[in-house]
Amino acid sequence: MAFFQLLVAGLALSARFEATRPIRIVQKEVTKLVMVPAPAPPAASAEAVVARPPLPEPPAEVPAVAAALPPPSPLPTPTMADPRCEQLLTEARQARVAGDMGMAIVKLEEARGRSPEDPNIQFELGLVHEAMGVFDTATAHYEKVFQMGVAGAGSLYARAAEKLRDGFETEVLLGKLALGRVRIFNDPNDEAGQRVVLSIPVEKAPGVEIELKDLSISVEFFNRSTRDGIVPLEDKSWVAQKWLSEHFAWVNGEETLRMTYLIPKLDQATEHLFGERSYYGQVVSLLYNGELLDVQAWPRDLAARSRQKAAAGPEAPQPPEFLDKDNLPPNFDPNQPMVLPSR
């Protein structure tokens, strides 16, 4: 019995001793090789286009005789012996580029009085008269430079020869084709909305021949919005146009284009959301063969907003004429402005 009690006491002490010993956890890293197949390179796409710069061509073999010769030197521009003439020529070129042909001619005539046979002055006179459309006088000046030959005119000889050979393809119509006084009929109480009718006359000087295919009129319309201020035209379908003459005869040197601009009415919900729109003004541009000849803007502050810029001339542009129902043409119907009044 005593032995059994000693055995139980020993087991109890052994269990208590094991419970008080710290537990050690050992972590080991085991390297495992995993075989992953390498991805195949992507196939070239059929839509891809690769562009490479061109390779320089190998230099051609130059004959020994040609390699020994120096390259030809360009013809020099004739020098001017008189410093005052050179200054006048520079001032004349500046005036020509600025569009002041009158000042250019004054400077060149003074220079020609000092050096009447100078090719630089003769050639510049040809350029000025060509820009003015006086082609006979321009041809005469180019002919004088051409007669001087290479020895007398230098590089100007070839340029004068090109002018005489090619001639003058287009006629300068600045001052010979212009806009007349634009007439405006504004009807804000039309049933469909606000209707504006523009009558745009085009005036032609007597004796001037023009190609109708090269003539165009550009009109930029502007609205006033209660939300966005001054805004350009939103929809080109609001504009209808018609020349009053089916066959241009230039009676009294004038033909007229009529443009009708209709701003449709908006319902109350759309007007509240996008703002109320009303007609503000327009910019009318006259172009011939792509060249801007005349511009009229009304109100005039629209000239700064327009793509076309009018050159400042000696005279102020004519303000438009605002028409009312008392001075419209006979039988004019604002609801059908494209229909000609009966005669």
Protein backbone atom coordinates (compact mmCIF):
# COMPACT_ATOMS: atom_id res chain seq x y z
CA MET A 1 0.00 0.00 0.00
CA ALA A 2 2.86 2.30 0.87
CA PHE A 3 4.56 1.47 -2.42
CA PHE A 4 1.43 2.34 -4.38
CA GLN A 5 1.16 5.73 -2.65
CA LEU A 6 4.81 6.49 -3.46
CA LEU A 7 4.18 5.60 -7.12
CA VAL A 8 1.17 7.93 -7.32
CA ALA A 9 3.12 10.75 -5.68
CA GLY A 10 6.00 10.29 -8.17
CA LEU A 11 3.63 10.40 -11.15
CA ALA A 12 2.02 13.57 -9.81
CA LEU A 13 5.41 15.27 -9.38
CA SER A 14 6.47 14.18 -12.87
CA ALA A 15 3.26 15.59 -14.43
CA ARG A 16 3.72 18.93 -12.59
CA PHE A 17 7.32 19.15 -13.75
CA GLU A 18 6.36 18.52 -17.40
CA ALA A 19 3.66 21.21 -17.24
CA THR A 20 6.12 23.82 -16.02
CA ARG A 21 8.66 23.16 -18.83
CA PRO A 22 8.45 25.79 -21.74
CA ILE A 23 7.23 24.53 -25.09
CA ARG A 24 9.74 25.15 -27.90
CA ILE A 25 8.44 25.37 -31.47
CA VAL A 26 11.05 25.06 -34.18
CA GLN A 27 10.19 26.29 -37.72
CA LYS A 28 12.19 25.01 -40.63
CA GLU A 29 12.08 26.41 -44.21
CA VAL A 30 12.06 23.69 -46.81
CA THR A 31 12.92 24.84 -50.38
CA LYS A 32 10.74 23.21 -52.98
CA LEU A 33 11.49 23.66 -56.67
CA VAL A 34 8.41 24.35 -58.79
CA MET A 35 8.75 24.15 -62.56
CA VAL A 36 6.84 26.98 -64.31
CA PRO A 37 6.80 26.95 -68.10
CA ALA A 38 8.09 30.20 -69.68
CA PRO A 39 5.38 32.15 -71.60
CA ALA A 40 5.65 32.09 -75.36
CA PRO A 41 6.42 35.45 -77.06
CA PRO A 42 3.27 37.21 -78.36
CA ALA A 43 2.54 36.78 -82.04
CA ALA A 44 2.85 39.86 -84.24
CA SER A 45 -0.49 41.56 -84.88
CA ALA A 46 -1.62 41.87 -88.47
CA GLU A 47 -2.84 45.46 -87.85
CA ALA A 48 0.46 46.77 -86.54
CA VAL A 49 2.49 48.84 -88.97
CA VAL A 50 6.09 49.53 -88.22
CA ALA A 51 7.65 52.61 -89.75
CA ARG A 52 11.37 53.08 -89.91
CA PRO A 53 13.35 56.05 -91.11
CA PRO A 54 14.79 55.62 -94.59
CA LEU A 55 18.38 54.66 -94.73
CA PRO A 56 20.67 57.19 -96.33
CA GLU A 57 21.67 56.26 -99.81
CA PRO A 58 25.35 55.65 -100.34
CA PRO A 59 27.04 58.64 -101.94
CA ALA A 60 27.36 58.36 -105.65
CA GLU A 61 30.78 58.25 -107.11
CA VAL A 62 31.82 61.68 -108.31
CA PRO A 63 34.10 61.89 -111.30
CA ALA A 64 37.51 63.20 -110.46
CA VAL A 65 37.13 66.13 -112.84
CA ALA A 66 33.77 67.21 -111.39
CA ALA A 67 35.03 66.84 -107.82
CA ALA A 68 37.84 69.21 -108.57
CA LEU A 69 35.43 71.99 -109.73
CA PRO A 70 33.97 74.33 -107.07
CA PRO A 71 30.15 74.54 -106.81
CA PRO A 72 28.57 77.41 -108.76
CA SER A 73 28.07 80.52 -106.66
CA PRO A 74 24.65 82.24 -106.67
CA LEU A 75 24.23 85.49 -108.51
CA PRO A 76 24.73 88.47 -106.22
CA THR A 77 22.11 91.15 -105.63
CA PRO A 78 23.16 94.45 -107.20
CA THR A 79 24.67 96.85 -104.71
CA MET A 80 23.51 100.43 -104.39
CA ALA A 81 26.16 103.13 -104.46
CA ASP A 82 23.96 105.86 -102.95
CA PRO A 83 23.20 105.29 -99.23
CA ARG A 84 20.19 107.59 -99.44
CA CYS A 85 18.69 105.50 -102.25
CA GLU A 86 19.24 102.35 -100.23
CA GLN A 87 17.40 103.89 -97.27
CA LEU A 88 14.52 105.00 -99.50
CA LEU A 89 14.29 101.49 -100.98
CA THR A 90 14.09 99.95 -97.50
CA GLU A 91 11.33 102.36 -96.48
CA ALA A 92 9.44 101.63 -99.71
CA ARG A 93 9.57 97.87 -99.05
CA GLN A 94 8.27 98.39 -95.53
CA ALA A 95 5.39 100.49 -96.86
CA ARG A 96 4.55 97.88 -99.54
CA VAL A 97 4.41 95.06 -97.00
CA ALA A 98 2.19 97.21 -94.76
CA GLY A 99 -0.17 97.83 -97.70
CA ASP A 100 0.61 101.55 -98.09
CA MET A 101 1.28 101.58 -101.82
CA GLY A 102 1.04 105.35 -102.07
CA MET A 103 3.90 105.87 -99.63
CA ALA A 104 5.92 103.14 -101.37
CA ILE A 105 5.62 104.90 -104.73
CA VAL A 106 6.61 108.25 -103.20
CA LYS A 107 9.77 106.73 -101.74
CA LEU A 108 10.65 104.89 -104.95
CA GLU A 109 10.11 107.91 -107.17
CA GLU A 110 12.47 109.92 -104.99
CA ALA A 111 15.03 107.14 -105.17
CA ARG A 112 14.62 106.85 -108.95
CA GLY A 113 15.27 110.58 -109.30
CA ARG A 114 18.69 110.02 -107.72
CA SER A 115 19.49 106.69 -109.48
CA PRO A 116 17.21 106.27 -112.50
CA GLU A 117 18.89 103.08 -113.81
CA ASP A 118 19.23 101.17 -110.56
CA PRO A 119 17.76 97.64 -111.01
CA ASN A 120 16.69 97.39 -107.35
CA ILE A 121 14.48 100.44 -107.67
CA GLN A 122 13.05 99.32 -111.02
CA PHE A 123 12.21 95.87 -109.69
CA GLU A 124 10.59 97.24 -106.53
CA LEU A 125 8.47 99.58 -108.66
CA GLY A 126 7.33 96.52 -110.58
CA LEU A 127 6.30 94.77 -107.35
CA VAL A 128 4.35 97.79 -106.12
CA HIS A 129 2.43 98.27 -109.37
CA GLU A 130 1.75 94.54 -109.54
CA ALA A 131 0.23 94.64 -106.05
CA MET A 132 -1.93 97.60 -107.13
CA GLY A 133 -3.15 95.77 -110.21
CA VAL A 134 -1.45 98.15 -112.68
CA PHE A 135 0.05 95.31 -114.67
CA ASP A 136 1.16 97.31 -117.75
CA THR A 137 3.35 99.56 -115.62
CA ALA A 138 4.66 96.60 -113.64
CA THR A 139 5.58 94.79 -116.87
CA ALA A 140 7.47 97.87 -118.10
CA HIS A 141 9.61 97.97 -114.95
CA TYR A 142 10.33 94.23 -115.14
CA GLU A 143 11.29 94.66 -118.80
CA LYS A 144 13.87 97.31 -117.88
CA VAL A 145 15.45 94.98 -115.33
CA PHE A 146 15.47 92.14 -117.86
CA GLN A 147 17.20 94.30 -120.48
CA MET A 148 20.07 94.97 -118.06
CA GLY A 149 21.08 91.29 -118.25
CA VAL A 150 22.94 89.28 -115.66
CA ALA A 151 25.88 91.69 -115.62
CA GLY A 152 23.70 94.67 -114.72
CA ALA A 153 20.84 93.14 -112.70
CA GLY A 154 22.48 90.10 -111.06
CA SER A 155 19.92 87.90 -109.31
CA LEU A 156 17.12 90.31 -110.22
CA TYR A 157 17.53 89.31 -113.87
CA ALA A 158 16.20 85.80 -113.24
CA ARG A 159 13.33 87.10 -111.10
CA ALA A 160 12.32 89.64 -113.73
CA ALA A 161 12.48 86.93 -116.39
CA GLU A 162 10.10 84.76 -114.32
CA LYS A 163 7.65 87.65 -113.96
CA LEU A 164 7.66 88.29 -117.71
CA ARG A 165 7.38 84.59 -118.51
CA ASP A 166 4.61 83.64 -116.06
CA GLY A 167 2.58 86.85 -116.24
CA PHE A 168 -0.07 87.80 -113.70
CA GLU A 169 -2.64 85.07 -113.08
CA THR A 170 -5.10 86.81 -110.76
CA GLU A 171 -6.39 90.34 -110.82
CA VAL A 172 -6.34 92.33 -107.60
CA LEU A 173 -9.94 93.37 -106.88
CA LEU A 174 -9.33 95.30 -103.68
CA GLY A 175 -11.22 98.55 -104.09
CA LYS A 176 -13.11 97.26 -107.17
CA LEU A 177 -15.47 94.87 -105.36
CA ALA A 178 -17.01 95.84 -102.03
CA LEU A 179 -19.99 95.44 -99.73
CA GLY A 180 -22.77 97.98 -99.85
CA ARG A 181 -24.85 99.15 -96.94
CA VAL A 182 -26.42 96.15 -95.22
CA ARG A 183 -30.15 96.44 -94.48
CA ILE A 184 -31.59 94.69 -91.42
CA PHE A 185 -35.25 93.82 -90.79
CA ASN A 186 -35.75 92.44 -87.28
CA ASP A 187 -39.10 90.90 -86.37
CA PRO A 188 -38.98 89.53 -82.79
CA ASN A 189 -42.71 88.76 -82.78
CA ASP A 190 -42.81 86.26 -85.62
CA GLU A 191 -44.97 83.19 -85.03
CA ALA A 192 -42.01 80.80 -85.36
CA GLY A 193 -39.60 82.86 -83.24
CA GLN A 194 -37.35 85.85 -83.85
CA ARG A 195 -36.86 86.42 -87.59
CA VAL A 196 -34.06 88.64 -88.94
CA VAL A 197 -33.77 89.39 -92.67
CA LEU A 198 -30.48 90.78 -94.02
CA SER A 199 -30.17 92.40 -97.45
CA ILE A 200 -26.48 92.40 -98.38
CA PRO A 201 -25.56 94.33 -101.54
CA VAL A 202 -22.32 93.60 -103.41
CA GLU A 203 -21.01 96.52 -105.47
CA LYS A 204 -18.72 96.14 -108.51
CA ALA A 205 -16.75 98.88 -110.20
CA PRO A 206 -17.50 99.50 -113.90
CA GLY A 207 -15.39 97.54 -116.37
CA VAL A 208 -14.28 94.92 -113.83
CA GLU A 209 -14.63 91.30 -114.95
CA ILE A 210 -15.05 88.69 -112.22
CA GLU A 211 -15.62 84.95 -112.05
CA LEU A 212 -18.79 84.17 -110.11
CA LYS A 213 -17.37 80.86 -108.91
CA ASP A 214 -14.69 82.79 -107.01
CA LEU A 215 -17.15 85.16 -105.28
CA SER A 216 -18.48 84.31 -101.82
CA ILE A 217 -20.11 86.03 -98.86
CA SER A 218 -19.61 84.79 -95.33
CA VAL A 219 -21.98 85.83 -92.53
CA GLU A 220 -21.32 85.05 -88.87
CA PHE A 221 -24.42 85.42 -86.68
CA PHE A 222 -24.27 86.12 -82.94
CA ASN A 223 -26.95 85.77 -80.25
CA ARG A 224 -27.34 87.21 -76.79
CA SER A 225 -28.02 84.57 -74.15
CA THR A 226 -29.23 85.40 -70.64
CA ARG A 227 -26.99 82.61 -69.36
CA ASP A 228 -23.85 82.72 -71.57
CA GLY A 229 -23.75 86.31 -72.87
CA ILE A 230 -22.76 86.84 -76.53
CA VAL A 231 -22.53 83.48 -78.31
CA PRO A 232 -22.10 82.55 -82.00
CA LEU A 233 -24.66 80.76 -84.14
CA GLU A 234 -25.68 77.37 -82.73
CA ASP A 235 -27.38 75.73 -85.71
CA LYS A 236 -26.77 76.56 -89.38
CA SER A 237 -30.20 75.22 -90.28
CA TRP A 238 -31.62 78.44 -88.81
CA VAL A 239 -30.27 80.36 -91.85
CA ALA A 240 -31.74 80.45 -95.37
CA GLN A 241 -30.16 82.37 -98.24
CA LYS A 242 -31.00 83.47 -101.76
CA TRP A 243 -29.57 85.85 -104.35
CA LEU A 244 -32.32 88.11 -105.62
CA SER A 245 -31.08 87.81 -109.23
CA GLU A 246 -31.08 84.37 -110.76
CA HIS A 247 -28.78 85.62 -113.53
CA PHE A 248 -26.23 88.22 -112.51
CA ALA A 249 -26.44 91.30 -114.74
CA TRP A 250 -24.90 93.77 -112.27
CA VAL A 251 -27.60 96.36 -112.96
CA ASN A 252 -26.29 99.67 -111.61
CA GLY A 253 -23.19 97.72 -110.57
CA GLU A 254 -24.90 95.86 -107.71
CA GLU A 255 -26.27 92.43 -106.82
CA THR A 256 -28.04 91.61 -103.54
CA LEU A 257 -27.97 88.59 -101.27
CA ARG A 258 -30.88 88.05 -98.87
CA MET A 259 -30.29 86.00 -95.72
CA THR A 260 -33.07 85.03 -93.33
CA TYR A 261 -32.11 84.06 -89.81
CA LEU A 262 -34.76 82.47 -87.57
CA ILE A 263 -34.19 81.79 -83.87
CA PRO A 264 -36.88 79.23 -82.95
CA LYS A 265 -39.01 79.64 -79.87
CA LEU A 266 -38.24 77.57 -76.78
CA ASP A 267 -40.69 76.12 -74.30
CA GLN A 268 -40.59 77.50 -70.78
CA ALA A 269 -38.71 74.52 -69.33
CA THR A 270 -35.94 74.63 -71.97
CA GLU A 271 -35.69 78.42 -71.74
CA HIS A 272 -35.36 78.22 -67.97
CA LEU A 273 -32.61 75.60 -68.29
CA PHE A 274 -30.55 77.07 -71.15
CA GLY A 275 -31.49 80.74 -70.95
CA GLU A 276 -33.37 83.05 -73.27
CA ARG A 277 -31.81 83.78 -76.66
CA SER A 278 -32.18 86.88 -78.81
CA TYR A 279 -30.49 88.23 -81.93
CA TYR A 280 -27.41 90.39 -81.25
CA GLY A 281 -25.68 91.08 -84.60
CA GLN A 282 -23.63 89.76 -87.49
CA VAL A 283 -20.29 90.00 -89.29
CA VAL A 284 -20.48 90.04 -93.10
CA SER A 285 -17.32 89.22 -95.09
CA LEU A 286 -16.77 89.52 -98.84
CA LEU A 287 -14.21 87.13 -100.31
CA TYR A 288 -12.94 86.63 -103.84
CA ASN A 289 -10.77 83.69 -104.75
CA GLY A 290 -10.07 83.15 -101.06
CA GLU A 291 -8.95 86.76 -100.51
CA LEU A 292 -10.76 88.92 -97.97
CA LEU A 293 -11.85 92.16 -99.66
CA ASP A 294 -14.34 93.74 -97.25
CA VAL A 295 -15.82 93.18 -93.77
CA GLN A 296 -18.76 94.83 -92.02
CA ALA A 297 -19.52 94.07 -88.38
CA TRP A 298 -22.59 95.23 -86.48
CA PRO A 299 -22.38 96.02 -83.65
CA ARG A 300 -18.75 96.94 -84.25
CA ASP A 301 -17.50 95.10 -81.18
CA LEU A 302 -18.20 91.85 -83.07
CA ALA A 303 -15.17 92.56 -85.26
CA ALA A 304 -12.98 91.39 -82.36
CA ARG A 305 -14.96 88.13 -82.05
CA SER A 306 -15.00 87.35 -85.75
CA ARG A 307 -12.54 85.06 -87.56
CA GLN A 308 -12.26 87.65 -90.34
CA LYS A 309 -10.37 90.84 -89.59
CA ALA A 310 -10.99 93.93 -91.69
CA ALA A 311 -8.08 96.13 -92.60
CA ALA A 312 -8.39 99.64 -91.28
CA GLY A 313 -9.16 101.98 -94.16
CA PRO A 314 -9.26 105.75 -94.48
CA GLU A 315 -13.08 105.77 -94.21
CA ALA A 316 -15.22 104.36 -91.43
CA PRO A 317 -17.49 101.48 -92.51
CA GLN A 318 -21.12 102.28 -93.17
CA PRO A 319 -23.49 101.38 -90.35
CA PRO A 320 -26.35 99.11 -91.39
CA GLU A 321 -29.80 100.42 -92.18
CA PHE A 322 -32.55 99.12 -89.92
CA LEU A 323 -35.85 98.64 -91.73
CA ASP A 324 -39.34 98.71 -90.33
CA LYS A 325 -42.64 97.71 -91.86
CA ASP A 326 -43.17 101.22 -93.25
CA ASN A 327 -40.17 101.26 -95.62
CA LEU A 328 -40.02 97.64 -96.78
CA PRO A 329 -40.22 96.82 -100.50
CA PRO A 330 -43.75 96.55 -101.90
CA ASN A 331 -45.50 93.27 -101.12
CA PHE A 332 -42.64 92.17 -98.85
CA ASP A 333 -43.78 89.31 -96.64
CA PRO A 334 -41.55 88.79 -93.57
CA ASN A 335 -43.05 85.32 -93.12
CA GLN A 336 -41.82 84.35 -96.59
CA PRO A 337 -38.73 86.53 -97.13
CA MET A 338 -37.31 84.19 -99.77
CA VAL A 339 -40.16 85.06 -102.14
CA LEU A 340 -39.46 88.04 -104.36
CA PRO A 341 -42.05 90.83 -104.20
CA SER A 342 -44.24 91.00 -107.27
CA ARG A 343 -43.63 93.82 -109.68
